[in-house]
Each structure stands twice: as structure tokens, then as C-alpha cells.
C-alpha atoms as a PDB file:
ATOM      1  CA  MET A   1      76.410  96.200 130.665  1.00  0.00           C
ATOM      2  CA  ILE A   2      77.229  96.127 134.364  1.00  0.00           C
ATOM      3  CA  GLY A   3      74.880  98.201 136.478  1.00  0.00           C
ATOM      4  CA  PHE A   4      77.433 100.355 138.239  1.00  0.00           C
ATOM      5  CA  GLY A   5      76.524 103.549 136.358  1.00  0.00           C
ATOM      6  CA  SER A   6      73.783 104.721 138.713  1.00  0.00           C
ATOM      7  CA  LEU A   7      75.910 103.845 141.727  1.00  0.00           C
ATOM      8  CA  SER A   8      79.014 105.623 140.517  1.00  0.00           C
ATOM      9  CA  LEU A   9      77.446 109.058 140.103  1.00  0.00           C
ATOM     10  CA  ALA A  10      75.296 108.983 143.222  1.00  0.00           C
ATOM     11  CA  GLY A  11      77.422 111.577 144.978  1.00  0.00           C
ATOM     12  CA  CYS A  12      79.588 112.843 142.138  1.00  0.00           C
ATOM     13  CA  CYS A  13      80.676 116.461 142.144  1.00  0.00           C
ATOM     14  CA  PHE A  14      78.886 117.858 139.127  1.00  0.00           C
ATOM     15  CA  GLU A  15      80.308 121.298 139.916  1.00  0.00           C
ATOM     16  CA  THR A  16      83.824 120.054 139.178  1.00  0.00           C
ATOM     17  CA  SER A  17      82.688 118.356 135.986  1.00  0.00           C
ATOM     18  CA  ASN A  18      80.902 121.490 134.866  1.00  0.00           C
ATOM     19  CA  ALA A  19      84.058 123.499 135.630  1.00  0.00           C
ATOM     20  CA  ILE A  20      85.984 121.162 133.317  1.00  0.00           C
ATOM     21  CA  ILE A  21      83.396 121.753 130.610  1.00  0.00           C
ATOM     22  CA  ARG A  22      83.496 125.554 131.074  1.00  0.00           C
ATOM     23  CA  GLU A  23      87.263 125.793 130.668  1.00  0.00           C
ATOM     24  CA  ALA A  24      87.342 123.695 127.509  1.00  0.00           C
ATOM     25  CA  ASP A  25      88.793 125.283 124.415  1.00  0.00           C
ATOM     26  CA  VAL A  26      88.884 122.855 121.500  1.00  0.00           C
ATOM     27  CA  SER A  27      91.937 124.412 119.879  1.00  0.00           C
ATOM     28  CA  PHE A  28      94.337 124.235 122.839  1.00  0.00           C
ATOM     29  CA  ASN A  29      92.828 122.318 125.718  1.00  0.00           C
ATOM     30  CA  PRO A  30      93.954 118.723 126.198  1.00  0.00           C
ATOM     31  CA  LEU A  31      90.726 118.173 128.149  1.00  0.00           C
ATOM     32  CA  TYR A  32      88.656 118.277 124.955  1.00  0.00           C
ATOM     33  CA  ASN A  33      88.113 114.502 125.016  1.00  0.00           C
ATOM     34  CA  ALA A  34      87.167 114.639 128.690  1.00  0.00           C
ATOM     35  CA  VAL A  35      84.629 117.362 128.015  1.00  0.00           C
ATOM     36  CA  GLN A  36      83.095 115.477 125.100  1.00  0.00           C
ATOM     37  CA  GLY A  37      82.965 112.261 127.125  1.00  0.00           C
ATOM     38  CA  ILE A  38      81.385 113.925 130.149  1.00  0.00           C
ATOM     39  CA  GLN A  39      78.763 115.637 128.026  1.00  0.00           C
ATOM     40  CA  LEU A  40      77.883 112.382 126.282  1.00  0.00           C
ATOM     41  CA  ALA A  41      77.726 110.548 129.622  1.00  0.00           C
ATOM     42  CA  GLN A  42      75.433 113.223 131.044  1.00  0.00           C
ATOM     43  CA  GLN A  43      73.173 112.709 128.027  1.00  0.00           C
ATOM     44  CA  GLY A  44      73.085 108.968 128.745  1.00  0.00           C
ATOM     45  CA  ARG A  45      75.160 108.089 125.650  1.00  0.00           C
ATOM     46  CA  LYS A  46      77.620 105.911 127.572  1.00  0.00           C
ATOM     47  CA  MET A  47      79.029 103.865 124.708  1.00  0.00           C
ATOM     48  CA  GLU A  48      79.880 107.024 122.753  1.00  0.00           C
ATOM     49  CA  ALA A  49      81.388 108.617 125.860  1.00  0.00           C
ATOM     50  CA  LEU A  50      83.591 105.586 126.494  1.00  0.00           C
ATOM     51  CA  ALA A  51      86.047 106.251 123.646  1.00  0.00           C
ATOM     52  CA  TYR A  52      86.402 109.936 124.527  1.00  0.00           C
ATOM     53  CA  LEU A  53      86.991 109.237 128.207  1.00  0.00           C
ATOM     54  CA  ARG A  54      89.517 106.484 127.521  1.00  0.00           C
ATOM     55  CA  GLU A  55      91.448 108.888 125.301  1.00  0.00           C
ATOM     56  CA  ALA A  56      91.187 111.583 127.972  1.00  0.00           C
ATOM     57  CA  VAL A  57      92.747 109.434 130.694  1.00  0.00           C
ATOM     58  CA  GLN A  58      95.546 108.474 128.312  1.00  0.00           C
ATOM     59  CA  ARG A  59      96.311 112.115 127.476  1.00  0.00           C
ATOM     60  CA  GLU A  60      95.785 113.561 130.949  1.00  0.00           C
ATOM     61  CA  PRO A  61      95.934 110.767 133.520  1.00  0.00           C
ATOM     62  CA  VAL A  62      96.098 113.210 136.451  1.00  0.00           C
ATOM     63  CA  ASN A  63      92.405 114.107 136.637  1.00  0.00           C
ATOM     64  CA  ALA A  64      90.504 112.034 139.201  1.00  0.00           C
ATOM     65  CA  GLU A  65      87.116 113.293 137.986  1.00  0.00           C
ATOM     66  CA  VAL A  66      87.742 111.977 134.479  1.00  0.00           C
ATOM     67  CA  TRP A  67      88.728 108.577 135.892  1.00  0.00           C
ATOM     68  CA  LEU A  68      85.422 108.475 137.785  1.00  0.00           C
ATOM     69  CA  TRP A  69      83.436 109.401 134.687  1.00  0.00           C
ATOM     70  CA  LEU A  70      85.190 106.594 132.840  1.00  0.00           C
ATOM     71  CA  ALA A  71      84.196 104.242 135.673  1.00  0.00           C
ATOM     72  CA  HIS A  72      80.615 105.442 135.247  1.00  0.00           C
ATOM     73  CA  VAL A  73      80.419 104.528 131.551  1.00  0.00           C
ATOM     74  CA  THR A  74      82.554 101.392 131.249  1.00  0.00           C
ATOM     75  CA  PRO A  75      80.862  97.998 130.921  1.00  0.00           C
ATOM     76  CA  ASP A  76      84.085  96.225 131.987  1.00  0.00           C
ATOM     77  CA  ILE A  77      84.336  95.429 135.710  1.00  0.00           C
ATOM     78  CA  HIS A  78      88.147  95.349 135.627  1.00  0.00           C
ATOM     79  CA  GLU A  79      88.322  98.763 133.995  1.00  0.00           C
ATOM     80  CA  TYR A  80      85.763 100.003 136.522  1.00  0.00           C
ATOM     81  CA  GLN A  81      87.975  98.811 139.396  1.00  0.00           C
ATOM     82  CA  ASN A  82      91.066 100.334 137.811  1.00  0.00           C
ATOM     83  CA  CYS A  83      89.326 103.689 137.314  1.00  0.00           C
ATOM     84  CA  ILE A  84      88.345 103.867 140.966  1.00  0.00           C
ATOM     85  CA  TYR A  85      91.891 102.873 141.933  1.00  0.00           C
ATOM     86  CA  GLN A  86      93.404 105.602 139.733  1.00  0.00           C
ATOM     87  CA  ALA A  87      91.039 108.227 141.123  1.00  0.00           C
ATOM     88  CA  LEU A  88      92.032 107.283 144.674  1.00  0.00           C
ATOM     89  CA  VAL A  89      95.733 107.345 143.802  1.00  0.00           C
ATOM     90  CA  LEU A  90      95.286 110.903 142.532  1.00  0.00           C
ATOM     91  CA  SER A  91      92.883 112.049 145.234  1.00  0.00           C
ATOM     92  CA  PRO A  92      92.925 109.731 148.265  1.00  0.00           C
ATOM     93  CA  ASN A  93      90.174 111.654 150.080  1.00  0.00           C
ATOM     94  CA  HIS A  94      87.789 111.947 147.121  1.00  0.00           C
ATOM     95  CA  GLN A  95      84.393 111.231 148.658  1.00  0.00           C
ATOM     96  CA  THR A  96      82.728 109.812 145.553  1.00  0.00           C
ATOM     97  CA  ALA A  97      85.684 107.540 144.777  1.00  0.00           C
ATOM     98  CA  ARG A  98      85.621 106.272 148.370  1.00  0.00           C
ATOM     99  CA  GLN A  99      81.872 105.571 148.126  1.00  0.00           C
ATOM    100  CA  MET A 100      82.342 103.748 144.839  1.00  0.00           C
ATOM    101  CA  GLN A 101      85.182 101.682 146.317  1.00  0.00           C
ATOM    102  CA  ASP A 102      83.111 100.803 149.388  1.00  0.00           C
ATOM    103  CA  ALA A 103      80.150  99.758 147.238  1.00  0.00           C
ATOM    104  CA  LEU A 104      82.456  97.690 145.044  1.00  0.00           C
ATOM    105  CA  MET A 105      83.959  95.910 148.062  1.00  0.00           C
ATOM    106  CA  GLN A 106      80.484  95.106 149.433  1.00  0.00           C
ATOM    107  CA  THR A 107      79.618  93.260 146.233  1.00  0.00           C
ATOM    108  CA  ASN A 108      80.822  89.700 146.818  1.00  0.00           C
ATOM    109  CA  SER A 109      80.825  88.623 143.176  1.00  0.00           C
ATOM    110  CA  ILE A 110      83.556  91.090 142.208  1.00  0.00           C
ATOM    111  CA  PRO A 111      86.912  89.389 141.480  1.00  0.00           C
ATOM    112  CA  ALA A 112      90.210  90.913 142.536  1.00  0.00           C
ATOM    113  CA  PRO A 113      91.459  93.714 140.279  1.00  0.00           C
ATOM    114  CA  GLN A 114      93.470  92.621 137.263  1.00  0.00           C
ATOM    115  CA  PHE A 115      95.299  95.350 135.445  1.00  0.00           C
ATOM    116  CA  SER A 116      96.016  93.703 132.128  1.00  0.00           C
ATOM    117  CA  GLY A 117      93.671  95.927 130.105  1.00  0.00           C
ATOM    118  CA  GLY A 118      94.275  99.185 128.278  1.00  0.00           C
ATOM    119  CA  THR A 119      94.460 101.293 131.427  1.00  0.00           C
ATOM    120  CA  SER A 120      96.940 100.071 134.007  1.00  0.00           C
ATOM    121  CA  PRO A 121      97.844 101.393 137.439  1.00  0.00           C
ATOM    122  CA  MET A 122     100.154 104.376 137.277  1.00  0.00           C
ATOM    123  CA  ASN A 123     103.523 104.160 138.850  1.00  0.00           C
ATOM    124  CA  PRO A 124     104.910 107.347 140.445  1.00  0.00           C
ATOM    125  CA  PHE A 125     107.183 108.057 137.462  1.00  0.00           C
ATOM    126  CA  VAL A 126     104.267 108.044 135.004  1.00  0.00           C
ATOM    127  CA  LEU A 127     102.235 110.262 137.317  1.00  0.00           C
ATOM    128  CA  GLN A 128     105.118 112.700 137.758  1.00  0.00           C
ATOM    129  CA  SER A 129     105.820 112.891 134.017  1.00  0.00           C
ATOM    130  CA  ALA A 130     102.109 113.421 133.294  1.00  0.00           C
ATOM    131  CA  ARG A 131     102.019 116.302 135.774  1.00  0.00           C
ATOM    132  CA  LYS A 132     105.136 117.833 134.213  1.00  0.00           C
ATOM    133  CA  ARG A 133     103.594 117.499 130.743  1.00  0.00           C
ATOM    134  CA  GLN A 134     100.396 119.128 131.976  1.00  0.00           C
ATOM    135  CA  HIS A 135     102.398 121.998 133.514  1.00  0.00           C
ATOM    136  CA  ARG A 136     104.376 122.507 130.278  1.00  0.00           C
ATOM    137  CA  ARG A 137     101.149 122.682 128.290  1.00  0.00           C
ATOM    138  CA  ARG A 138      99.777 125.322 130.633  1.00  0.00           C
ATOM    139  CA  VAL A 139     102.971 127.372 130.370  1.00  0.00           C
ATOM    140  CA  TRP A 140     103.019 127.142 126.564  1.00  0.00           C
ATOM    141  CA  ARG A 141      99.358 128.055 126.377  1.00  0.00           C
ATOM    142  CA  ARG A 142     100.047 131.197 128.441  1.00  0.00           C
ATOM    143  CA  VAL A 143     103.086 132.072 126.327  1.00  0.00           C
ATOM    144  CA  LEU A 144     101.043 131.682 123.157  1.00  0.00           C
ATOM    145  CA  ILE A 145      98.237 133.853 124.507  1.00  0.00           C
ATOM    146  CA  LEU A 146     100.703 136.555 125.535  1.00  0.00           C
ATOM    147  CA  ALA A 147     102.389 136.402 122.119  1.00  0.00           C
ATOM    148  CA  VAL A 148      99.061 136.821 120.341  1.00  0.00           C
ATOM    149  CA  ILE A 149      98.132 139.734 122.594  1.00  0.00           C
ATOM    150  CA  GLY A 150     101.531 141.319 121.984  1.00  0.00           C
ATOM    151  CA  PHE A 151     101.190 140.847 118.246  1.00  0.00           C
ATOM    152  CA  LEU A 152      97.730 142.420 118.246  1.00  0.00           C
ATOM    153  CA  LEU A 153      98.843 145.361 120.386  1.00  0.00           C
ATOM    154  CA  GLY A 154     101.868 145.880 118.148  1.00  0.00           C
ATOM    155  CA  GLY A 155      99.676 145.843 115.057  1.00  0.00           C
ATOM    156  CA  ILE A 156      97.241 148.300 116.580  1.00  0.00           C
ATOM    157  CA  SER A 157     100.111 150.591 117.591  1.00  0.00           C
ATOM    158  CA  ALA A 158     101.504 150.495 114.053  1.00  0.00           C
ATOM    159  CA  ILE A 159      98.113 151.336 112.546  1.00  0.00           C
ATOM    160  CA  ILE A 160      97.671 154.241 114.957  1.00  0.00           C
ATOM    161  CA  ALA A 161     101.157 155.547 114.099  1.00  0.00           C
ATOM    162  CA  ILE A 162     100.430 155.373 110.362  1.00  0.00           C
ATOM    163  CA  VAL A 163      97.090 157.120 110.769  1.00  0.00           C
ATOM    164  CA  VAL A 164      98.627 159.868 112.921  1.00  0.00           C
ATOM    165  CA  MET A 165     101.446 160.409 110.429  1.00  0.00           C
ATOM    166  CA  GLU A 166      98.975 160.640 107.528  1.00  0.00           C
ATOM    167  CA  LEU A 167      96.813 163.275 109.185  1.00  0.00           C
ATOM    168  CA  PRO A 168      97.089 166.664 107.508  1.00  0.00           C
ATOM    169  CA  THR A 169      98.687 169.368 109.573  1.00  0.00           C
ATOM    170  CA  PHE A 170      97.008 172.768 109.747  1.00  0.00           C
END
């Protein structure tokens, strides 16, 4: 395994990662794989985290933090380079991604990036469609929550009406 793991999380924003974990809801949230991968990575179980994080960047490729976590756990130098690249495409001023890129460039034995693996650089169309898909999911999640709330309130109102109608009058 390549020893980039300790380097990659030297300045990582754990607050953002913990925010991702806090908002996870297994039943609706497409970030479930990201959450599982981050938790496994934090526990030092990198090989287990790898599959979850790869799935997460395929489902939601617009999260720079998840790309950096994938860089942290991957043993493949080309995937590592690609992850840093993707994070910088999404968030050009991300401090940790910049530090990781600088450290990578200082290492002379690193070959030029080759994007023939499973994760390839995103073109603007893919990025735009991923953002639209993410927005649609958020909208549908809100619609579903409102529908459930409406259904529950309607049911409660009906029960109250039945109970009131059944009360004896004096």
C-alpha cells in the first residue's frame, strides 16, 4: 500500500466529514456509502472503506470531501492522483486538496496522471448532470417528507373528528 494515507488527512476538515455523517439517513440519503466509507476509514479499515467510497463517488461525484477520503484509502497512485484532481475541480480553493497536490508534486517518483481506471476526470456535462440529479433527489426527498407529514396530519384530524362525533351529548 502506498503511504499517502497519513499525508492526505494531515489537514483534512473533520468537521465537514462529521457533518456528512450526521445528515445520513440510510433510507433516503445517497451519501450512505460515503458515510460508511468515512467511518471505516476513520477506524483505520481502509480496504473495507475503499469499496464504499468508490461507490459514493460514482453515485454523487460532486462532493470534494468524499473524493479526498477516497484518496486517503486507495492503494493505487493513479486513483490517488485522480481523486485529488476531482476534488480540485469541484473545489479549487480546498486547502487540504491543495496540500495533497503540492505534496504529490514534490514526490519525484510519481508518474503523470493516467485516467484509464474506474474513476475518470469529469467533463462539465457529467458534473452538471450530477448536480441536477442531486438537486432532484433533494426536491423529491422534501416532497416525500411533506407528503408523509400531510398524511399523518390528515389521519390525526380524521381520528379527532370521529372521536368528537362519538362523544355523548348532555
